[in-house]
């Protein structure tokens, strides 16, 4: 009887478990490849998760690639209708990778987008202060409005 009960319990547990959860990408490149695949299907929540994972990998190593991943996450968040999810990524870029922004093709866009997002979320004084900082920081630096025509400038 105990053997039957144990077998029944194991069978019931297996029925409700479903397929195993997909594993997290092992590195930045895998995460961005996953983001691209999900982007094609307009699966914005999954794109955001993959871009966020890529961001964490790049941020840990101090890589400029964190800027691309932050842009990716912010764009996915915007397309999900939750643009505020991009704020922490952009803030981290400014705090930790700020000097990289000066020489990165997306630097001005990231600086602009953070200010616009902050204003849009009701943090007007902080957003305006950030935009003023960006104007001072990027005066005289050539402007690039998009990265691969994928990430937009918020206005």
N, C-alpha and C. Protein backbone atom coordinates (compact mmCIF):
# COMPACT_ATOMS: atom_id res chain seq x y z
N UNK A 1 0.81 -1.19 0.00
CA UNK A 1 0.00 0.00 0.00
C UNK A 1 0.86 1.27 0.00
N UNK A 2 1.91 1.27 0.82
CA UNK A 2 2.80 2.43 0.87
C UNK A 2 3.48 2.67 -0.46
N UNK A 3 3.83 1.60 -1.16
CA UNK A 3 4.49 1.72 -2.46
C UNK A 3 3.53 2.37 -3.44
N UNK A 4 2.25 1.96 -3.41
CA UNK A 4 1.26 2.56 -4.31
C UNK A 4 1.05 4.03 -4.01
N UNK A 5 1.02 4.39 -2.75
CA UNK A 5 0.84 5.79 -2.36
C UNK A 5 2.04 6.64 -2.81
N UNK A 6 3.23 6.09 -2.64
CA UNK A 6 4.43 6.82 -3.05
C UNK A 6 4.44 7.00 -4.57
N UNK A 7 4.04 5.96 -5.30
CA UNK A 7 4.00 6.04 -6.76
C UNK A 7 2.95 7.06 -7.20
N UNK A 8 1.79 7.06 -6.55
CA UNK A 8 0.73 8.01 -6.88
C UNK A 8 1.19 9.44 -6.58
N UNK A 9 1.85 9.65 -5.45
CA UNK A 9 2.35 10.98 -5.10
C UNK A 9 3.38 11.45 -6.12
N UNK A 10 4.27 10.56 -6.54
CA UNK A 10 5.28 10.92 -7.54
C UNK A 10 4.62 11.25 -8.87
N UNK A 11 3.61 10.50 -9.25
CA UNK A 11 2.90 10.74 -10.51
C UNK A 11 2.18 12.09 -10.47
N UNK A 12 1.51 12.38 -9.37
CA UNK A 12 0.82 13.66 -9.24
C UNK A 12 1.80 14.84 -9.26
N UNK A 13 2.93 14.67 -8.62
CA UNK A 13 3.93 15.74 -8.61
C UNK A 13 4.46 15.99 -10.01
N UNK A 14 4.69 14.93 -10.76
CA UNK A 14 5.22 15.07 -12.12
C UNK A 14 4.20 15.69 -13.05
N UNK A 15 2.93 15.41 -12.86
CA UNK A 15 1.90 15.96 -13.75
C UNK A 15 1.81 17.47 -13.67
N UNK A 16 2.00 18.02 -12.52
CA UNK A 16 1.85 19.46 -12.35
C UNK A 16 3.10 20.25 -12.59
N UNK A 17 4.20 19.58 -12.83
CA UNK A 17 5.46 20.31 -12.92
C UNK A 17 5.67 20.97 -14.28
N UNK A 18 5.13 20.44 -15.35
CA UNK A 18 5.30 21.03 -16.67
C UNK A 18 6.73 20.92 -17.16
N UNK A 19 7.01 21.55 -18.28
CA UNK A 19 8.37 21.48 -18.81
C UNK A 19 9.33 22.28 -17.95
N UNK A 20 10.59 21.90 -17.95
CA UNK A 20 11.55 22.65 -17.14
C UNK A 20 11.68 24.08 -17.65
N UNK A 21 11.95 24.99 -16.75
CA UNK A 21 12.12 26.40 -17.11
C UNK A 21 13.38 26.55 -17.96
N UNK A 22 13.32 27.43 -18.98
CA UNK A 22 14.51 27.62 -19.80
C UNK A 22 15.64 28.23 -18.96
N UNK A 23 16.84 27.84 -19.27
CA UNK A 23 17.97 28.37 -18.52
C UNK A 23 18.31 29.78 -19.00
N UNK A 24 18.91 30.53 -18.12
CA UNK A 24 19.30 31.90 -18.44
C UNK A 24 20.49 31.87 -19.40
N UNK A 25 20.56 32.82 -20.32
CA UNK A 25 21.72 32.87 -21.23
C UNK A 25 23.01 32.91 -20.42
N UNK A 26 24.05 32.28 -20.96
CA UNK A 26 25.32 32.13 -20.25
C UNK A 26 26.23 33.34 -20.34
N UNK A 27 25.96 34.26 -21.29
CA UNK A 27 26.83 35.42 -21.44
C UNK A 27 26.09 36.52 -22.20
N UNK A 28 26.77 37.64 -22.37
CA UNK A 28 26.19 38.80 -23.04
C UNK A 28 25.71 38.44 -24.44
N UNK A 29 26.55 37.80 -25.21
CA UNK A 29 26.20 37.49 -26.60
C UNK A 29 24.97 36.60 -26.70
N UNK A 30 24.89 35.58 -25.85
CA UNK A 30 23.70 34.71 -25.86
C UNK A 30 22.45 35.50 -25.49
N UNK A 31 22.57 36.37 -24.51
CA UNK A 31 21.41 37.16 -24.09
C UNK A 31 20.93 38.09 -25.20
N UNK A 32 21.86 38.74 -25.89
CA UNK A 32 21.47 39.64 -26.97
C UNK A 32 20.92 38.86 -28.17
N UNK A 33 21.44 37.67 -28.42
CA UNK A 33 20.90 36.83 -29.49
C UNK A 33 19.46 36.43 -29.15
N UNK A 34 19.22 36.08 -27.90
CA UNK A 34 17.87 35.74 -27.46
C UNK A 34 16.96 36.96 -27.60
N UNK A 35 17.45 38.13 -27.23
CA UNK A 35 16.65 39.36 -27.35
C UNK A 35 16.27 39.58 -28.81
N UNK A 36 17.20 39.37 -29.73
CA UNK A 36 16.92 39.55 -31.16
C UNK A 36 15.84 38.60 -31.64
N UNK A 37 15.93 37.35 -31.20
CA UNK A 37 14.93 36.35 -31.59
C UNK A 37 13.55 36.74 -31.07
N UNK A 38 13.48 37.15 -29.83
CA UNK A 38 12.20 37.54 -29.24
C UNK A 38 11.69 38.85 -29.84
N UNK A 39 12.61 39.74 -30.25
CA UNK A 39 12.24 41.01 -30.87
C UNK A 39 11.46 40.75 -32.16
N UNK A 40 11.94 39.80 -32.94
CA UNK A 40 11.27 39.47 -34.20
C UNK A 40 9.82 39.04 -33.98
N UNK A 41 9.56 38.42 -32.84
CA UNK A 41 8.20 37.97 -32.51
C UNK A 41 7.41 38.99 -31.70
N UNK A 42 7.98 40.17 -31.49
CA UNK A 42 7.31 41.23 -30.71
C UNK A 42 6.94 40.76 -29.31
N UNK A 43 7.79 39.96 -28.71
CA UNK A 43 7.57 39.43 -27.36
C UNK A 43 8.36 40.31 -26.39
N UNK A 44 7.81 41.51 -26.16
CA UNK A 44 8.54 42.57 -25.48
C UNK A 44 8.95 42.23 -24.06
N UNK A 45 8.13 41.51 -23.32
CA UNK A 45 8.52 41.12 -21.96
C UNK A 45 9.75 40.22 -21.97
N UNK A 46 9.80 39.31 -22.93
CA UNK A 46 10.94 38.41 -23.05
C UNK A 46 12.16 39.15 -23.60
N UNK A 47 11.93 40.11 -24.49
CA UNK A 47 13.04 40.94 -24.98
C UNK A 47 13.64 41.70 -23.80
N UNK A 48 12.77 42.31 -22.99
CA UNK A 48 13.25 43.07 -21.84
C UNK A 48 14.09 42.18 -20.92
N UNK A 49 13.59 40.98 -20.62
CA UNK A 49 14.32 40.07 -19.73
C UNK A 49 15.69 39.72 -20.30
N UNK A 50 15.74 39.44 -21.60
CA UNK A 50 17.02 39.09 -22.22
C UNK A 50 17.98 40.27 -22.23
N UNK A 51 17.46 41.46 -22.53
CA UNK A 51 18.31 42.67 -22.54
C UNK A 51 18.80 42.98 -21.14
N UNK A 52 17.94 42.78 -20.15
CA UNK A 52 18.32 43.01 -18.76
C UNK A 52 19.45 42.05 -18.37
N UNK A 53 19.35 40.81 -18.79
CA UNK A 53 20.40 39.83 -18.52
C UNK A 53 21.70 40.27 -19.18
N UNK A 54 21.63 40.69 -20.44
CA UNK A 54 22.82 41.17 -21.15
C UNK A 54 23.42 42.37 -20.42
N UNK A 55 22.55 43.25 -19.96
CA UNK A 55 23.01 44.43 -19.23
C UNK A 55 23.80 44.02 -17.97
N UNK A 56 23.26 43.06 -17.23
CA UNK A 56 23.94 42.63 -16.01
C UNK A 56 25.31 42.03 -16.32
N UNK A 57 25.42 41.24 -17.38
CA UNK A 57 26.72 40.69 -17.77
C UNK A 57 27.70 41.81 -18.12
N UNK A 58 27.28 42.74 -18.96
CA UNK A 58 28.17 43.82 -19.39
C UNK A 58 28.53 44.75 -18.23
N UNK A 59 27.56 45.02 -17.37
CA UNK A 59 27.80 45.92 -16.25
C UNK A 59 28.82 45.32 -15.28
N UNK A 60 28.73 44.01 -15.05
CA UNK A 60 29.67 43.35 -14.15
C UNK A 60 31.11 43.48 -14.62
N UNK A 61 31.31 43.47 -15.91
CA UNK A 61 32.67 43.51 -16.46
C UNK A 61 33.11 44.93 -16.80
N UNK A 62 32.22 45.89 -16.64
CA UNK A 62 32.55 47.27 -16.96
C UNK A 62 32.59 47.55 -18.46
N UNK A 63 31.94 46.70 -19.21
CA UNK A 63 31.96 46.81 -20.66
C UNK A 63 31.05 47.93 -21.18
N UNK A 64 31.51 48.59 -22.25
CA UNK A 64 30.69 49.59 -22.93
C UNK A 64 29.45 48.95 -23.54
N UNK A 65 29.45 47.64 -23.67
CA UNK A 65 28.29 46.95 -24.22
C UNK A 65 27.07 47.12 -23.31
N UNK A 66 27.29 47.54 -22.08
CA UNK A 66 26.17 47.81 -21.17
C UNK A 66 25.28 48.90 -21.73
N UNK A 67 25.85 49.82 -22.49
CA UNK A 67 25.07 50.91 -23.09
C UNK A 67 24.08 50.35 -24.11
N UNK A 68 24.54 49.43 -24.94
CA UNK A 68 23.67 48.81 -25.94
C UNK A 68 22.57 48.01 -25.24
N UNK A 69 22.92 47.26 -24.21
CA UNK A 69 21.93 46.45 -23.50
C UNK A 69 20.92 47.34 -22.77
N UNK A 70 21.37 48.46 -22.22
CA UNK A 70 20.45 49.39 -21.55
C UNK A 70 19.47 49.97 -22.55
N UNK A 71 19.96 50.35 -23.72
CA UNK A 71 19.09 50.85 -24.79
C UNK A 71 18.06 49.79 -25.17
N UNK A 72 18.52 48.58 -25.32
CA UNK A 72 17.64 47.46 -25.69
C UNK A 72 16.54 47.27 -24.65
N UNK A 73 16.93 47.25 -23.38
CA UNK A 73 15.95 47.07 -22.29
C UNK A 73 14.95 48.22 -22.26
N UNK A 74 15.44 49.44 -22.42
CA UNK A 74 14.56 50.61 -22.37
C UNK A 74 13.58 50.61 -23.54
N UNK A 75 14.04 50.23 -24.72
CA UNK A 75 13.15 50.19 -25.88
C UNK A 75 12.10 49.10 -25.71
N UNK A 76 12.49 47.94 -25.21
CA UNK A 76 11.52 46.87 -24.96
C UNK A 76 10.51 47.31 -23.91
N UNK A 77 10.98 47.97 -22.86
CA UNK A 77 10.08 48.46 -21.82
C UNK A 77 9.07 49.44 -22.39
N UNK A 78 9.55 50.32 -23.25
CA UNK A 78 8.66 51.30 -23.88
C UNK A 78 7.61 50.60 -24.74
N UNK A 79 8.03 49.62 -25.49
CA UNK A 79 7.08 48.89 -26.35
C UNK A 79 6.10 48.05 -25.54
N UNK A 80 6.48 47.69 -24.30
CA UNK A 80 5.56 46.98 -23.40
C UNK A 80 4.57 47.93 -22.76
N UNK A 81 4.81 49.23 -22.90
CA UNK A 81 3.96 50.21 -22.25
C UNK A 81 4.40 50.51 -20.82
N UNK A 82 5.65 50.13 -20.48
CA UNK A 82 6.19 50.36 -19.15
C UNK A 82 7.56 51.04 -19.25
N UNK A 83 7.60 52.23 -19.84
CA UNK A 83 8.90 52.87 -20.09
C UNK A 83 9.72 53.11 -18.82
N UNK A 84 9.06 53.21 -17.67
CA UNK A 84 9.79 53.46 -16.42
C UNK A 84 10.77 52.34 -16.09
N UNK A 85 10.58 51.15 -16.67
CA UNK A 85 11.51 50.05 -16.41
C UNK A 85 12.91 50.33 -16.97
N UNK A 86 13.01 51.27 -17.89
CA UNK A 86 14.31 51.63 -18.45
C UNK A 86 15.11 52.58 -17.59
N UNK A 87 14.47 53.24 -16.64
CA UNK A 87 15.16 54.24 -15.82
C UNK A 87 16.35 53.66 -15.06
N UNK A 88 16.21 52.54 -14.35
CA UNK A 88 17.38 52.04 -13.60
C UNK A 88 18.58 51.71 -14.50
N UNK A 89 18.30 51.20 -15.69
CA UNK A 89 19.40 50.88 -16.61
C UNK A 89 20.14 52.15 -17.02
N UNK A 90 19.38 53.17 -17.42
CA UNK A 90 20.00 54.42 -17.84
C UNK A 90 20.72 55.10 -16.67
N UNK A 91 20.13 55.06 -15.49
CA UNK A 91 20.78 55.68 -14.34
C UNK A 91 22.11 54.99 -14.04
N UNK A 92 22.12 53.68 -14.12
CA UNK A 92 23.36 52.93 -13.88
C UNK A 92 24.41 53.29 -14.93
N UNK A 93 24.00 53.43 -16.17
CA UNK A 93 24.94 53.80 -17.23
C UNK A 93 25.56 55.15 -16.91
N UNK A 94 24.75 56.12 -16.55
CA UNK A 94 25.26 57.46 -16.25
C UNK A 94 26.19 57.42 -15.03
N UNK A 95 25.82 56.67 -14.00
CA UNK A 95 26.61 56.62 -12.77
C UNK A 95 27.94 55.90 -12.96
N UNK A 96 27.92 54.78 -13.65
CA UNK A 96 29.10 53.92 -13.71
C UNK A 96 29.85 54.02 -15.04
N UNK A 97 29.13 54.20 -16.11
CA UNK A 97 29.74 54.19 -17.44
C UNK A 97 29.68 55.57 -18.10
N UNK A 98 29.54 56.60 -17.29
CA UNK A 98 29.35 57.95 -17.81
C UNK A 98 30.42 58.39 -18.79
N UNK A 99 31.66 58.08 -18.50
CA UNK A 99 32.74 58.49 -19.41
C UNK A 99 32.62 57.77 -20.75
N UNK A 100 32.16 56.53 -20.74
CA UNK A 100 31.97 55.79 -21.99
C UNK A 100 30.91 56.44 -22.86
N UNK A 101 29.95 57.10 -22.24
CA UNK A 101 28.89 57.76 -23.01
C UNK A 101 29.46 58.86 -23.91
N UNK A 102 30.56 59.48 -23.47
CA UNK A 102 31.13 60.59 -24.24
C UNK A 102 31.65 60.14 -25.60
N UNK A 103 32.04 58.89 -25.71
CA UNK A 103 32.62 58.40 -26.97
C UNK A 103 31.77 57.31 -27.63
N UNK A 104 30.64 57.03 -27.07
CA UNK A 104 29.75 56.00 -27.63
C UNK A 104 28.74 56.65 -28.55
N UNK A 105 28.41 55.98 -29.65
CA UNK A 105 27.48 56.57 -30.61
C UNK A 105 26.11 56.84 -30.02
N UNK A 106 25.74 56.14 -28.97
CA UNK A 106 24.43 56.35 -28.36
C UNK A 106 24.44 57.20 -27.11
N UNK A 107 25.57 57.80 -26.80
CA UNK A 107 25.71 58.53 -25.55
C UNK A 107 24.70 59.65 -25.37
N UNK A 108 24.55 60.49 -26.38
CA UNK A 108 23.61 61.60 -26.26
C UNK A 108 22.17 61.09 -26.18
N UNK A 109 21.88 60.06 -26.92
CA UNK A 109 20.53 59.50 -26.89
C UNK A 109 20.20 58.96 -25.50
N UNK A 110 21.14 58.23 -24.89
CA UNK A 110 20.94 57.69 -23.55
C UNK A 110 20.72 58.81 -22.55
N UNK A 111 21.55 59.84 -22.63
CA UNK A 111 21.41 60.98 -21.72
C UNK A 111 20.07 61.67 -21.89
N UNK A 112 19.66 61.88 -23.13
CA UNK A 112 18.37 62.50 -23.43
C UNK A 112 17.22 61.61 -22.92
N UNK A 113 17.28 60.34 -23.25
CA UNK A 113 16.18 59.44 -22.90
C UNK A 113 15.98 59.35 -21.39
N UNK A 114 17.06 59.34 -20.62
CA UNK A 114 16.92 59.29 -19.17
C UNK A 114 16.19 60.54 -18.68
N UNK A 115 16.58 61.71 -19.15
CA UNK A 115 15.90 62.93 -18.73
C UNK A 115 14.43 62.92 -19.10
N UNK A 116 14.13 62.50 -20.31
CA UNK A 116 12.74 62.45 -20.77
C UNK A 116 11.93 61.44 -19.95
N UNK A 117 12.52 60.28 -19.68
CA UNK A 117 11.81 59.28 -18.87
C UNK A 117 11.52 59.80 -17.46
N UNK A 118 12.49 60.46 -16.87
CA UNK A 118 12.28 61.00 -15.52
C UNK A 118 11.15 62.02 -15.52
N UNK A 119 11.14 62.92 -16.49
CA UNK A 119 10.07 63.92 -16.58
C UNK A 119 8.73 63.22 -16.78
N UNK A 120 8.71 62.22 -17.66
CA UNK A 120 7.47 61.48 -17.94
C UNK A 120 6.93 60.73 -16.75
N UNK A 121 7.79 60.41 -15.79
CA UNK A 121 7.36 59.69 -14.59
C UNK A 121 7.08 60.64 -13.44
N UNK A 122 7.01 61.94 -13.73
CA UNK A 122 6.68 62.91 -12.69
C UNK A 122 7.87 63.40 -11.89
N UNK A 123 9.07 63.08 -12.31
CA UNK A 123 10.28 63.50 -11.62
C UNK A 123 10.92 64.65 -12.41
N UNK A 124 10.12 65.71 -12.58
CA UNK A 124 10.47 66.83 -13.46
C UNK A 124 11.79 67.49 -13.10
N UNK A 125 11.97 67.88 -11.87
CA UNK A 125 13.20 68.59 -11.47
C UNK A 125 14.43 67.72 -11.75
N UNK A 126 14.34 66.46 -11.41
CA UNK A 126 15.45 65.53 -11.66
C UNK A 126 15.70 65.36 -13.16
N UNK A 127 14.63 65.24 -13.92
CA UNK A 127 14.75 65.08 -15.37
C UNK A 127 15.35 66.30 -16.03
N UNK A 128 14.87 67.48 -15.65
CA UNK A 128 15.41 68.72 -16.23
C UNK A 128 16.87 68.88 -15.85
N UNK A 129 17.20 68.60 -14.60
CA UNK A 129 18.61 68.69 -14.16
C UNK A 129 19.47 67.73 -14.98
N UNK A 130 18.95 66.56 -15.26
CA UNK A 130 19.71 65.59 -16.05
C UNK A 130 19.89 66.08 -17.49
N UNK A 131 18.84 66.64 -18.06
CA UNK A 131 18.95 67.17 -19.43
C UNK A 131 19.96 68.32 -19.49
N UNK A 132 19.97 69.17 -18.47
CA UNK A 132 20.95 70.26 -18.43
C UNK A 132 22.36 69.70 -18.32
N UNK A 133 22.54 68.67 -17.49
CA UNK A 133 23.84 68.01 -17.37
C UNK A 133 24.26 67.45 -18.73
N UNK A 134 23.33 66.82 -19.43
CA UNK A 134 23.64 66.23 -20.73
C UNK A 134 24.05 67.31 -21.73
N UNK A 135 23.35 68.44 -21.71
CA UNK A 135 23.70 69.54 -22.62
C UNK A 135 25.12 70.04 -22.36
N UNK A 136 25.49 70.17 -21.10
CA UNK A 136 26.84 70.61 -20.76
C UNK A 136 27.88 69.55 -21.12
N UNK A 137 27.56 68.31 -20.84
CA UNK A 137 28.50 67.21 -21.07
C UNK A 137 28.75 66.96 -22.55
N UNK A 138 27.72 67.08 -23.37
CA UNK A 138 27.83 66.69 -24.76
C UNK A 138 27.98 67.84 -25.75
N UNK A 139 28.20 69.05 -25.26
CA UNK A 139 28.41 70.18 -26.15
C UNK A 139 29.65 69.91 -27.00
N UNK A 140 29.47 70.01 -28.33
CA UNK A 140 30.59 69.82 -29.24
C UNK A 140 30.87 68.39 -29.64
N UNK A 141 30.13 67.43 -29.11
CA UNK A 141 30.33 66.03 -29.47
C UNK A 141 29.36 65.69 -30.59
N UNK A 142 29.82 65.04 -31.67
CA UNK A 142 28.92 64.68 -32.78
C UNK A 142 27.72 63.88 -32.28
N UNK A 143 26.57 64.15 -32.85
CA UNK A 143 25.32 63.53 -32.43
C UNK A 143 24.97 62.33 -33.29
N UNK A 144 24.55 61.26 -32.64
CA UNK A 144 24.06 60.08 -33.35
C UNK A 144 22.70 59.76 -32.77
N UNK A 145 21.65 59.79 -33.59
CA UNK A 145 20.29 59.68 -33.05
C UNK A 145 19.81 58.26 -32.86
N UNK A 146 20.35 57.31 -33.59
CA UNK A 146 19.90 55.93 -33.42
C UNK A 146 21.07 54.98 -33.50
N UNK A 147 20.88 53.82 -32.94
CA UNK A 147 21.87 52.75 -33.01
C UNK A 147 21.26 51.67 -33.87
N UNK A 148 21.76 51.51 -35.06
CA UNK A 148 21.24 50.49 -35.95
C UNK A 148 19.77 50.67 -36.28
N UNK A 149 19.27 51.89 -36.18
CA UNK A 149 17.88 52.21 -36.47
C UNK A 149 16.90 51.43 -35.58
N UNK A 150 17.36 50.91 -34.46
CA UNK A 150 16.50 50.15 -33.57
C UNK A 150 16.07 50.94 -32.34
N UNK A 151 16.96 51.73 -31.79
CA UNK A 151 16.68 52.40 -30.53
C UNK A 151 16.41 53.87 -30.80
N UNK A 152 15.31 54.35 -30.32
CA UNK A 152 14.87 55.69 -30.66
C UNK A 152 15.23 56.72 -29.61
N UNK A 153 15.20 57.95 -30.04
CA UNK A 153 15.39 59.08 -29.14
C UNK A 153 14.03 59.51 -28.64
N UNK A 154 13.88 59.61 -27.34
CA UNK A 154 12.61 60.03 -26.76
C UNK A 154 12.54 61.55 -26.75
N UNK A 155 11.41 62.08 -27.15
CA UNK A 155 11.22 63.53 -27.14
C UNK A 155 9.89 63.88 -26.51
